[in-house]
PDB file of N, CA and C in Angstrom:
ATOM      1  N   MET A   1     -10.953  22.251  -4.255  1.00  0.00           N
ATOM      2  CA  MET A   1     -10.780  21.236  -3.238  1.00  0.00           C
ATOM      3  C   MET A   1     -11.333  19.908  -3.743  1.00  0.00           C
ATOM      4  N   ARG A   2     -10.593  18.841  -3.508  1.00  0.00           N
ATOM      5  CA  ARG A   2     -11.021  17.518  -3.952  1.00  0.00           C
ATOM      6  C   ARG A   2     -12.105  16.938  -3.048  1.00  0.00           C
ATOM      7  N   THR A   3     -12.983  16.163  -3.661  1.00  0.00           N
ATOM      8  CA  THR A   3     -13.973  15.427  -2.892  1.00  0.00           C
ATOM      9  C   THR A   3     -13.401  14.049  -2.593  1.00  0.00           C
ATOM     10  N   PRO A   4     -13.333  13.653  -1.319  1.00  0.00           N
ATOM     11  CA  PRO A   4     -12.751  12.343  -1.011  1.00  0.00           C
ATOM     12  C   PRO A   4     -13.617  11.207  -1.539  1.00  0.00           C
ATOM     13  N   LYS A   5     -12.959  10.172  -2.028  1.00  0.00           N
ATOM     14  CA  LYS A   5     -13.673   9.000  -2.517  1.00  0.00           C
ATOM     15  C   LYS A   5     -14.038   8.102  -1.356  1.00  0.00           C
ATOM     16  N   VAL A   6     -15.184   7.454  -1.466  1.00  0.00           N
ATOM     17  CA  VAL A   6     -15.607   6.508  -0.447  1.00  0.00           C
ATOM     18  C   VAL A   6     -15.134   5.124  -0.874  1.00  0.00           C
ATOM     19  N   LEU A   7     -14.354   4.485  -0.021  1.00  0.00           N
ATOM     20  CA  LEU A   7     -13.834   3.157  -0.318  1.00  0.00           C
ATOM     21  C   LEU A   7     -14.508   2.135   0.592  1.00  0.00           C
ATOM     22  N   TYR A   8     -14.968   1.055   0.012  1.00  0.00           N
ATOM     23  CA  TYR A   8     -15.605   0.000   0.780  1.00  0.00           C
ATOM     24  C   TYR A   8     -14.664  -1.192   0.836  1.00  0.00           C
ATOM     25  N   PRO A   9     -14.102  -1.473   2.012  1.00  0.00           N
ATOM     26  CA  PRO A   9     -13.123  -2.559   2.113  1.00  0.00           C
ATOM     27  C   PRO A   9     -13.739  -3.932   1.901  1.00  0.00           C
ATOM     28  N   ASP A  10     -12.936  -4.825   1.295  1.00  0.00           N
ATOM     29  CA  ASP A  10     -13.345  -6.202   1.071  1.00  0.00           C
ATOM     30  C   ASP A  10     -13.158  -7.050   2.319  1.00  0.00           C
ATOM     31  N   GLU A  11     -12.156  -6.720   3.123  1.00  0.00           N
ATOM     32  CA  GLU A  11     -11.905  -7.464   4.354  1.00  0.00           C
ATOM     33  C   GLU A  11     -11.278  -6.561   5.394  1.00  0.00           C
ATOM     34  N   ARG A  12     -11.277  -7.033   6.637  1.00  0.00           N
ATOM     35  CA  ARG A  12     -10.704  -6.285   7.764  1.00  0.00           C
ATOM     36  C   ARG A  12      -9.602  -7.125   8.392  1.00  0.00           C
ATOM     37  N   ILE A  13      -8.426  -6.528   8.576  1.00  0.00           N
ATOM     38  CA  ILE A  13      -7.297  -7.231   9.169  1.00  0.00           C
ATOM     39  C   ILE A  13      -6.774  -6.398  10.340  1.00  0.00           C
ATOM     40  N   ILE A  14      -6.651  -7.028  11.506  1.00  0.00           N
ATOM     41  CA  ILE A  14      -6.060  -6.394  12.679  1.00  0.00           C
ATOM     42  C   ILE A  14      -4.733  -7.092  12.943  1.00  0.00           C
ATOM     43  N   TYR A  15      -3.645  -6.343  12.875  1.00  0.00           N
ATOM     44  CA  TYR A  15      -2.315  -6.898  13.104  1.00  0.00           C
ATOM     45  C   TYR A  15      -1.930  -6.751  14.571  1.00  0.00           C
ATOM     46  N   LYS A  16      -1.204  -7.738  15.075  1.00  0.00           N
ATOM     47  CA  LYS A  16      -0.695  -7.739  16.443  1.00  0.00           C
ATOM     48  C   LYS A  16       0.821  -7.882  16.386  1.00  0.00           C
ATOM     49  N   PRO A  17       1.528  -7.404  17.408  1.00  0.00           N
ATOM     50  CA  PRO A  17       2.991  -7.520  17.400  1.00  0.00           C
ATOM     51  C   PRO A  17       3.449  -8.975  17.295  1.00  0.00           C
ATOM     52  N   GLU A  18       4.528  -9.183  16.586  1.00  0.00           N
ATOM     53  CA  GLU A  18       5.060 -10.534  16.402  1.00  0.00           C
ATOM     54  C   GLU A  18       5.804 -11.033  17.643  1.00  0.00           C
ATOM     55  N   LEU A  19       6.254 -10.128  18.485  1.00  0.00           N
ATOM     56  CA  LEU A  19       6.987 -10.517  19.687  1.00  0.00           C
ATOM     57  C   LEU A  19       6.030 -11.039  20.757  1.00  0.00           C
ATOM     58  N   ALA A  20       6.460 -12.042  21.505  1.00  0.00           N
ATOM     59  CA  ALA A  20       5.662 -12.582  22.604  1.00  0.00           C
ATOM     60  C   ALA A  20       6.203 -12.125  23.954  1.00  0.00           C
ATOM     61  N   ALA A  21       7.454 -11.696  23.978  1.00  0.00           N
ATOM     62  CA  ALA A  21       8.085 -11.264  25.220  1.00  0.00           C
ATOM     63  C   ALA A  21       8.681  -9.876  25.046  1.00  0.00           C
ATOM     64  N   CYS A  22       8.826  -9.190  26.148  1.00  0.00           N
ATOM     65  CA  CYS A  22       9.411  -7.841  26.152  1.00  0.00           C
ATOM     66  C   CYS A  22      10.874  -7.918  25.703  1.00  0.00           C
ATOM     67  N   PRO A  23      11.293  -7.070  24.768  1.00  0.00           N
ATOM     68  CA  PRO A  23      12.692  -7.113  24.320  1.00  0.00           C
ATOM     69  C   PRO A  23      13.677  -6.626  25.382  1.00  0.00           C
ATOM     70  N   GLN A  24      13.207  -5.898  26.380  1.00  0.00           N
ATOM     71  CA  GLN A  24      14.085  -5.364  27.412  1.00  0.00           C
ATOM     72  C   GLN A  24      14.269  -6.355  28.578  1.00  0.00           C
ATOM     73  N   CYS A  25      13.142  -6.795  29.173  1.00  0.00           N
ATOM     74  CA  CYS A  25      13.233  -7.625  30.377  1.00  0.00           C
ATOM     75  C   CYS A  25      12.860  -9.085  30.143  1.00  0.00           C
ATOM     76  N   GLY A  26      12.274  -9.405  29.001  1.00  0.00           N
ATOM     77  CA  GLY A  26      11.880 -10.780  28.712  1.00  0.00           C
ATOM     78  C   GLY A  26      10.546 -11.175  29.298  1.00  0.00           C
ATOM     79  N   GLY A  27       9.862 -10.246  29.940  1.00  0.00           N
ATOM     80  CA  GLY A  27       8.553 -10.521  30.531  1.00  0.00           C
ATOM     81  C   GLY A  27       7.465 -10.597  29.470  1.00  0.00           C
ATOM     82  N   PRO A  28       6.265 -11.006  29.873  1.00  0.00           N
ATOM     83  CA  PRO A  28       5.175 -11.133  28.899  1.00  0.00           C
ATOM     84  C   PRO A  28       4.650  -9.774  28.440  1.00  0.00           C
ATOM     85  N   LEU A  29       4.105  -9.764  27.244  1.00  0.00           N
ATOM     86  CA  LEU A  29       3.469  -8.569  26.708  1.00  0.00           C
ATOM     87  C   LEU A  29       1.964  -8.684  26.873  1.00  0.00           C
ATOM     88  N   VAL A  30       1.310  -7.565  27.133  1.00  0.00           N
ATOM     89  CA  VAL A  30      -0.150  -7.533  27.217  1.00  0.00           C
ATOM     90  C   VAL A  30      -0.678  -6.657  26.083  1.00  0.00           C
ATOM     91  N   MET A  31      -1.760  -7.102  25.474  1.00  0.00           N
ATOM     92  CA  MET A  31      -2.367  -6.363  24.371  1.00  0.00           C
ATOM     93  C   MET A  31      -3.155  -5.179  24.922  1.00  0.00           C
ATOM     94  N   CYS A  32      -3.097  -4.068  24.225  1.00  0.00           N
ATOM     95  CA  CYS A  32      -3.865  -2.878  24.599  1.00  0.00           C
ATOM     96  C   CYS A  32      -5.294  -3.008  24.082  1.00  0.00           C
ATOM     97  N   ASP A  33      -6.191  -2.223  24.647  1.00  0.00           N
ATOM     98  CA  ASP A  33      -7.605  -2.281  24.271  1.00  0.00           C
ATOM     99  C   ASP A  33      -7.972  -1.296  23.161  1.00  0.00           C
ATOM    100  N   TYR A  34      -7.001  -0.777  22.460  1.00  0.00           N
ATOM    101  CA  TYR A  34      -7.266   0.202  21.416  1.00  0.00           C
ATOM    102  C   TYR A  34      -6.391  -0.112  20.198  1.00  0.00           C
ATOM    103  N   LEU A  35      -6.672   0.577  19.105  1.00  0.00           N
ATOM    104  CA  LEU A  35      -5.877   0.436  17.893  1.00  0.00           C
ATOM    105  C   LEU A  35      -4.921   1.621  17.794  1.00  0.00           C
ATOM    106  N   ALA A  36      -3.657   1.339  17.516  1.00  0.00           N
ATOM    107  CA  ALA A  36      -2.672   2.402  17.355  1.00  0.00           C
ATOM    108  C   ALA A  36      -2.928   3.168  16.065  1.00  0.00           C
ATOM    109  N   TRP A  37      -3.330   2.465  15.022  1.00  0.00           N
ATOM    110  CA  TRP A  37      -3.733   3.100  13.773  1.00  0.00           C
ATOM    111  C   TRP A  37      -4.742   2.205  13.071  1.00  0.00           C
ATOM    112  N   ASP A  38      -5.594   2.843  12.290  1.00  0.00           N
ATOM    113  CA  ASP A  38      -6.679   2.156  11.598  1.00  0.00           C
ATOM    114  C   ASP A  38      -6.963   2.925  10.316  1.00  0.00           C
ATOM    115  N   LYS A  39      -6.811   2.257   9.165  1.00  0.00           N
ATOM    116  CA  LYS A  39      -7.051   2.952   7.909  1.00  0.00           C
ATOM    117  C   LYS A  39      -7.463   1.979   6.816  1.00  0.00           C
ATOM    118  N   THR A  40      -7.995   2.536   5.753  1.00  0.00           N
ATOM    119  CA  THR A  40      -8.376   1.776   4.571  1.00  0.00           C
ATOM    120  C   THR A  40      -7.259   1.915   3.547  1.00  0.00           C
ATOM    121  N   VAL A  41      -6.807   0.772   3.012  1.00  0.00           N
ATOM    122  CA  VAL A  41      -5.662   0.756   2.093  1.00  0.00           C
ATOM    123  C   VAL A  41      -6.083   0.137   0.765  1.00  0.00           C
ATOM    124  N   GLN A  42      -5.696   0.793  -0.323  1.00  0.00           N
ATOM    125  CA  GLN A  42      -5.930   0.269  -1.665  1.00  0.00           C
ATOM    126  C   GLN A  42      -4.691  -0.496  -2.105  1.00  0.00           C
ATOM    127  N   THR A  43      -4.859  -1.777  -2.422  1.00  0.00           N
ATOM    128  CA  THR A  43      -3.768  -2.568  -2.984  1.00  0.00           C
ATOM    129  C   THR A  43      -4.136  -2.939  -4.408  1.00  0.00           C
ATOM    130  N   LEU A  44      -3.238  -3.624  -5.095  1.00  0.00           N
ATOM    131  CA  LEU A  44      -3.541  -4.049  -6.460  1.00  0.00           C
ATOM    132  C   LEU A  44      -4.645  -5.095  -6.489  1.00  0.00           C
ATOM    133  N   ASP A  45      -4.775  -5.857  -5.413  1.00  0.00           N
ATOM    134  CA  ASP A  45      -5.742  -6.952  -5.386  1.00  0.00           C
ATOM    135  C   ASP A  45      -7.081  -6.585  -4.763  1.00  0.00           C
ATOM    136  N   ALA A  46      -7.085  -5.715  -3.770  1.00  0.00           N
ATOM    137  CA  ALA A  46      -8.320  -5.452  -3.036  1.00  0.00           C
ATOM    138  C   ALA A  46      -8.215  -4.147  -2.265  1.00  0.00           C
ATOM    139  N   ILE A  47      -9.326  -3.768  -1.688  1.00  0.00           N
ATOM    140  CA  ILE A  47      -9.370  -2.662  -0.739  1.00  0.00           C
ATOM    141  C   ILE A  47      -9.533  -3.299   0.629  1.00  0.00           C
ATOM    142  N   VAL A  48      -8.612  -2.973   1.542  1.00  0.00           N
ATOM    143  CA  VAL A  48      -8.546  -3.653   2.830  1.00  0.00           C
ATOM    144  C   VAL A  48      -8.560  -2.626   3.953  1.00  0.00           C
ATOM    145  N   ALA A  49      -9.337  -2.896   4.988  1.00  0.00           N
ATOM    146  CA  ALA A  49      -9.297  -2.088   6.203  1.00  0.00           C
ATOM    147  C   ALA A  49      -8.289  -2.742   7.141  1.00  0.00           C
ATOM    148  N   VAL A  50      -7.228  -2.031   7.481  1.00  0.00           N
ATOM    149  CA  VAL A  50      -6.184  -2.597   8.329  1.00  0.00           C
ATOM    150  C   VAL A  50      -6.015  -1.742   9.582  1.00  0.00           C
ATOM    151  N   GLY A  51      -5.643  -2.412  10.643  1.00  0.00           N
ATOM    152  CA  GLY A  51      -5.386  -1.743  11.906  1.00  0.00           C
ATOM    153  C   GLY A  51      -4.270  -2.453  12.633  1.00  0.00           C
ATOM    154  N   SER A  52      -3.723  -1.801  13.645  1.00  0.00           N
ATOM    155  CA  SER A  52      -2.653  -2.391  14.423  1.00  0.00           C
ATOM    156  C   SER A  52      -2.972  -2.228  15.901  1.00  0.00           C
ATOM    157  N   ARG A  53      -3.049  -3.350  16.612  1.00  0.00           N
ATOM    158  CA  ARG A  53      -3.287  -3.344  18.045  1.00  0.00           C
ATOM    159  C   ARG A  53      -1.934  -3.437  18.745  1.00  0.00           C
ATOM    160  N   PRO A  54      -1.556  -2.416  19.511  1.00  0.00           N
ATOM    161  CA  PRO A  54      -0.244  -2.433  20.158  1.00  0.00           C
ATOM    162  C   PRO A  54      -0.221  -3.318  21.398  1.00  0.00           C
ATOM    163  N   ALA A  55       0.981  -3.598  21.868  1.00  0.00           N
ATOM    164  CA  ALA A  55       1.185  -4.359  23.100  1.00  0.00           C
ATOM    165  C   ALA A  55       2.270  -3.663  23.901  1.00  0.00           C
ATOM    166  N   GLY A  56       2.234  -3.876  25.205  1.00  0.00           N
ATOM    167  CA  GLY A  56       3.233  -3.287  26.081  1.00  0.00           C
ATOM    168  C   GLY A  56       3.672  -4.289  27.121  1.00  0.00           C
ATOM    169  N   CYS A  57       4.782  -4.021  27.761  1.00  0.00           N
ATOM    170  CA  CYS A  57       5.321  -4.909  28.790  1.00  0.00           C
ATOM    171  C   CYS A  57       4.411  -4.879  30.009  1.00  0.00           C
ATOM    172  N   ALA A  58       4.174  -6.051  30.587  1.00  0.00           N
ATOM    173  CA  ALA A  58       3.298  -6.165  31.750  1.00  0.00           C
ATOM    174  C   ALA A  58       3.994  -5.734  33.036  1.00  0.00           C
ATOM    175  N   ALA A  59       5.314  -5.735  33.064  1.00  0.00           N
ATOM    176  CA  ALA A  59       6.058  -5.388  34.284  1.00  0.00           C
ATOM    177  C   ALA A  59       6.135  -3.873  34.441  1.00  0.00           C
ATOM    178  N   PRO A  60       5.556  -3.319  35.517  1.00  0.00           N
ATOM    179  CA  PRO A  60       5.568  -1.855  35.676  1.00  0.00           C
ATOM    180  C   PRO A  60       6.966  -1.280  35.938  1.00  0.00           C
ATOM    181  N   ARG A  61       7.904  -2.073  36.422  1.00  0.00           N
ATOM    182  CA  ARG A  61       9.259  -1.582  36.695  1.00  0.00           C
ATOM    183  C   ARG A  61      10.190  -1.701  35.486  1.00  0.00           C
ATOM    184  N   CYS A  62       9.695  -2.240  34.393  1.00  0.00           N
ATOM    185  CA  CYS A  62      10.514  -2.390  33.184  1.00  0.00           C
ATOM    186  C   CYS A  62      10.810  -1.002  32.605  1.00  0.00           C
ATOM    187  N   ALA A  63      12.001  -0.844  32.058  1.00  0.00           N
ATOM    188  CA  ALA A  63      12.423   0.445  31.499  1.00  0.00           C
ATOM    189  C   ALA A  63      11.587   0.854  30.295  1.00  0.00           C
ATOM    190  N   VAL A  64      11.027  -0.106  29.564  1.00  0.00           N
ATOM    191  CA  VAL A  64      10.229   0.203  28.369  1.00  0.00           C
ATOM    192  C   VAL A  64       8.742  -0.086  28.599  1.00  0.00           C
ATOM    193  N   HIS A  65       8.297  -0.009  29.847  1.00  0.00           N
ATOM    194  CA  HIS A  65       6.900  -0.307  30.179  1.00  0.00           C
ATOM    195  C   HIS A  65       5.929   0.599  29.416  1.00  0.00           C
ATOM    196  N   ALA A  66       6.257   1.865  29.252  1.00  0.00           N
ATOM    197  CA  ALA A  66       5.363   2.810  28.585  1.00  0.00           C
ATOM    198  C   ALA A  66       5.423   2.704  27.057  1.00  0.00           C
ATOM    199  N   MET A  67       6.434   2.036  26.519  1.00  0.00           N
ATOM    200  CA  MET A  67       6.571   1.901  25.065  1.00  0.00           C
ATOM    201  C   MET A  67       5.542   0.919  24.522  1.00  0.00           C
ATOM    202  N   ARG A  68       4.980   1.219  23.384  1.00  0.00           N
ATOM    203  CA  ARG A  68       4.006   0.340  22.739  1.00  0.00           C
ATOM    204  C   ARG A  68       4.637  -0.272  21.495  1.00  0.00           C
ATOM    205  N   LEU A  69       4.566  -1.590  21.397  1.00  0.00           N
ATOM    206  CA  LEU A  69       5.126  -2.321  20.260  1.00  0.00           C
ATOM    207  C   LEU A  69       4.045  -2.528  19.215  1.00  0.00           C
ATOM    208  N   LEU A  70       4.399  -2.309  17.955  1.00  0.00           N
ATOM    209  CA  LEU A  70       3.463  -2.475  16.842  1.00  0.00           C
ATOM    210  C   LEU A  70       3.889  -3.648  15.978  1.00  0.00           C
ATOM    211  N   SER A  71       3.008  -4.056  15.099  1.00  0.00           N
ATOM    212  CA  SER A  71       3.294  -5.152  14.185  1.00  0.00           C
ATOM    213  C   SER A  71       4.162  -4.668  13.021  1.00  0.00           C
ATOM    214  N   ALA A  72       5.252  -5.369  12.779  1.00  0.00           N
ATOM    215  CA  ALA A  72       6.110  -5.040  11.634  1.00  0.00           C
ATOM    216  C   ALA A  72       5.402  -5.393  10.327  1.00  0.00           C
ATOM    217  N   GLU A  73       4.667  -6.489  10.325  1.00  0.00           N
ATOM    218  CA  GLU A  73       3.939  -6.894   9.119  1.00  0.00           C
ATOM    219  C   GLU A  73       2.872  -5.864   8.749  1.00  0.00           C
ATOM    220  N   GLY A  74       2.187  -5.332   9.739  1.00  0.00           N
ATOM    221  CA  GLY A  74       1.164  -4.327   9.485  1.00  0.00           C
ATOM    222  C   GLY A  74       1.733  -3.036   8.930  1.00  0.00           C
ATOM    223  N   GLN A  75       2.925  -2.668   9.368  1.00  0.00           N
ATOM    224  CA  GLN A  75       3.535  -1.447   8.890  1.00  0.00           C
ATOM    225  C   GLN A  75       4.090  -1.591   7.477  1.00  0.00           C
ATOM    226  N   GLN A  76       4.168  -2.803   6.951  1.00  0.00           N
ATOM    227  CA  GLN A  76       4.660  -3.023   5.598  1.00  0.00           C
ATOM    228  C   GLN A  76       3.551  -2.995   4.556  1.00  0.00           C
ATOM    229  N   ILE A  77       2.330  -2.715   4.959  1.00  0.00           N
ATOM    230  CA  ILE A  77       1.201  -2.652   4.020  1.00  0.00           C
ATOM    231  C   ILE A  77       1.205  -1.320   3.271  1.00  0.00           C
ATOM    232  N   ALA A  78       1.298  -0.221   4.008  1.00  0.00           N
ATOM    233  CA  ALA A  78       1.276   1.113   3.400  1.00  0.00           C
ATOM    234  C   ALA A  78       2.066   2.072   4.277  1.00  0.00           C
ATOM    235  N   SER A  79       2.568   3.128   3.676  1.00  0.00           N
ATOM    236  CA  SER A  79       3.334   4.103   4.444  1.00  0.00           C
ATOM    237  C   SER A  79       2.398   4.956   5.293  1.00  0.00           C
ATOM    238  N   ARG A  80       2.978   5.562   6.301  1.00  0.00           N
ATOM    239  CA  ARG A  80       2.206   6.412   7.204  1.00  0.00           C
ATOM    240  C   ARG A  80       1.628   7.593   6.431  1.00  0.00           C
ATOM    241  N   GLY A  81       0.347   7.851   6.616  1.00  0.00           N
ATOM    242  CA  GLY A  81      -0.306   8.972   5.951  1.00  0.00           C
ATOM    243  C   GLY A  81      -0.784   8.686   4.543  1.00  0.00           C
ATOM    244  N   SER A  82      -0.622   7.466   4.058  1.00  0.00           N
ATOM    245  CA  SER A  82      -1.026   7.126   2.698  1.00  0.00           C
ATOM    246  C   SER A  82      -2.059   6.003   2.711  1.00  0.00           C
ATOM    247  N   THR A  83      -2.990   6.056   1.768  1.00  0.00           N
ATOM    248  CA  THR A  83      -3.962   4.976   1.640  1.00  0.00           C
ATOM    249  C   THR A  83      -3.607   4.024   0.501  1.00  0.00           C
ATOM    250  N   TYR A  84      -2.505   4.282  -0.179  1.00  0.00           N
ATOM    251  CA  TYR A  84      -2.053   3.378  -1.238  1.00  0.00           C
ATOM    252  C   TYR A  84      -1.058   2.385  -0.662  1.00  0.00           C
ATOM    253  N   GLY A  85      -1.242   1.116  -0.998  1.00  0.00           N
ATOM    254  CA  GLY A  85      -0.313   0.094  -0.565  1.00  0.00           C
ATOM    255  C   GLY A  85       1.021   0.252  -1.286  1.00  0.00           C
ATOM    256  N   TYR A  86       2.052  -0.350  -0.703  1.00  0.00           N
ATOM    257  CA  TYR A  86       3.384  -0.264  -1.320  1.00  0.00           C
ATOM    258  C   TYR A  86       3.388  -0.926  -2.698  1.00  0.00           C
ATOM    259  N   ASP A  87       2.549  -1.933  -2.928  1.00  0.00           N
ATOM    260  CA  ASP A  87       2.496  -2.564  -4.247  1.00  0.00           C
ATOM    261  C   ASP A  87       1.947  -1.607  -5.305  1.00  0.00           C
ATOM    262  N   VAL A  88       1.003  -0.757  -4.926  1.00  0.00           N
ATOM    263  CA  VAL A  88       0.455   0.240  -5.858  1.00  0.00           C
ATOM    264  C   VAL A  88       1.513   1.297  -6.168  1.00  0.00           C
ATOM    265  N   VAL A  89       2.220   1.748  -5.156  1.00  0.00           N
ATOM    266  CA  VAL A  89       3.260   2.768  -5.356  1.00  0.00           C
ATOM    267  C   VAL A  89       4.366   2.221  -6.268  1.00  0.00           C
ATOM    268  N   ALA A  90       4.752   0.961  -6.046  1.00  0.00           N
ATOM    269  CA  ALA A  90       5.786   0.352  -6.886  1.00  0.00           C
ATOM    270  C   ALA A  90       5.297   0.200  -8.326  1.00  0.00           C
ATOM    271  N   ARG A  91       4.051  -0.165  -8.508  1.00  0.00           N
ATOM    272  CA  ARG A  91       3.490  -0.324  -9.861  1.00  0.00           C
ATOM    273  C   ARG A  91       3.452   1.018 -10.598  1.00  0.00           C
ATOM    274  N   ILE A  92       3.044   2.072  -9.912  1.00  0.00           N
ATOM    275  CA  ILE A  92       3.012   3.399 -10.528  1.00  0.00           C
ATOM    276  C   ILE A  92       4.428   3.829 -10.920  1.00  0.00           C
ATOM    277  N   GLY A  93       5.389   3.600 -10.033  1.00  0.00           N
ATOM    278  CA  GLY A  93       6.777   3.933 -10.343  1.00  0.00           C
ATOM    279  C   GLY A  93       7.302   3.167 -11.535  1.00  0.00           C
ATOM    280  N   TRP A  94       6.943   1.881 -11.624  1.00  0.00           N
ATOM    281  CA  TRP A  94       7.382   1.071 -12.764  1.00  0.00           C
ATOM    282  C   TRP A  94       6.765   1.581 -14.059  1.00  0.00           C
ATOM    283  N   LEU A  95       5.471   1.912 -14.038  1.00  0.00           N
ATOM    284  CA  LEU A  95       4.808   2.420 -15.240  1.00  0.00           C
ATOM    285  C   LEU A  95       5.412   3.761 -15.681  1.00  0.00           C
ATOM    286  N   ARG A  96       5.764   4.598 -14.714  1.00  0.00           N
ATOM    287  CA  ARG A  96       6.369   5.883 -15.058  1.00  0.00           C
ATOM    288  C   ARG A  96       7.763   5.719 -15.638  1.00  0.00           C
ATOM    289  N   GLN A  97       8.564   4.827 -15.070  1.00  0.00           N
ATOM    290  CA  GLN A  97       9.952   4.702 -15.502  1.00  0.00           C
ATOM    291  C   GLN A  97      10.104   3.844 -16.750  1.00  0.00           C
ATOM    292  N   GLU A  98       9.481   2.694 -16.780  1.00  0.00           N
ATOM    293  CA  GLU A  98       9.698   1.758 -17.885  1.00  0.00           C
ATOM    294  C   GLU A  98       8.843   2.082 -19.102  1.00  0.00           C
ATOM    295  N   ARG A  99       7.576   2.352 -18.898  1.00  0.00           N
ATOM    296  CA  ARG A  99       6.694   2.596 -20.038  1.00  0.00           C
ATOM    297  C   ARG A  99       6.502   4.070 -20.363  1.00  0.00           C
ATOM    298  N   ARG A 100       7.045   4.942 -19.483  1.00  0.00           N
ATOM    299  CA  ARG A 100       6.933   6.395 -19.673  1.00  0.00           C
ATOM    300  C   ARG A 100       5.491   6.870 -19.743  1.00  0.00           C
ATOM    301  N   ASP A 101       4.619   6.210 -18.999  1.00  0.00           N
ATOM    302  CA  ASP A 101       3.212   6.611 -18.961  1.00  0.00           C
ATOM    303  C   ASP A 101       3.048   7.910 -18.179  1.00  0.00           C
ATOM    304  N   ALA A 102       2.123   8.741 -18.617  1.00  0.00           N
ATOM    305  CA  ALA A 102       1.789   9.954 -17.879  1.00  0.00           C
ATOM    306  C   ALA A 102       0.847   9.571 -16.736  1.00  0.00           C
ATOM    307  N   TYR A 103       0.743  10.441 -15.745  1.00  0.00           N
ATOM    308  CA  TYR A 103      -0.139  10.150 -14.619  1.00  0.00           C
ATOM    309  C   TYR A 103      -1.596   9.993 -15.048  1.00  0.00           C
ATOM    310  N   ALA A 104      -2.015  10.732 -16.044  1.00  0.00           N
ATOM    311  CA  ALA A 104      -3.390  10.624 -16.551  1.00  0.00           C
ATOM    312  C   ALA A 104      -3.642   9.231 -17.146  1.00  0.00           C
ATOM    313  N   GLU A 105      -2.628   8.638 -17.791  1.00  0.00           N
ATOM    314  CA  GLU A 105      -2.775   7.302 -18.365  1.00  0.00           C
ATOM    315  C   GLU A 105      -2.798   6.227 -17.288  1.00  0.00           C
ATOM    316  N   ILE A 106      -2.039   6.433 -16.232  1.00  0.00           N
ATOM    317  CA  ILE A 106      -1.975   5.447 -15.147  1.00  0.00           C
ATOM    318  C   ILE A 106      -3.292   5.438 -14.410  1.00  0.00           C
TER     319      ILE A 106
END
């Protein structure tokens, strides 16, 4: 069994939805008091603690009132279930394909 590594983030970023109005009814969105997801991500430049604060429609009669909207920018940092940023995954893929490096060398 592997021992998990302890990562110390350089900065903390909380992402919020880019939309200001409900896509269904056009009403205002209210921010929730919790984080939908919170994780530490390794990128090529730094180790970053990122989270996403969801928002929902303020109108209780809206058809999507229970739906929570997340930040698209925040979801582009790393895939779900992974602590490696997409830039790290792309770099590893490039090293494997172009330079034919083994995983031990990477």
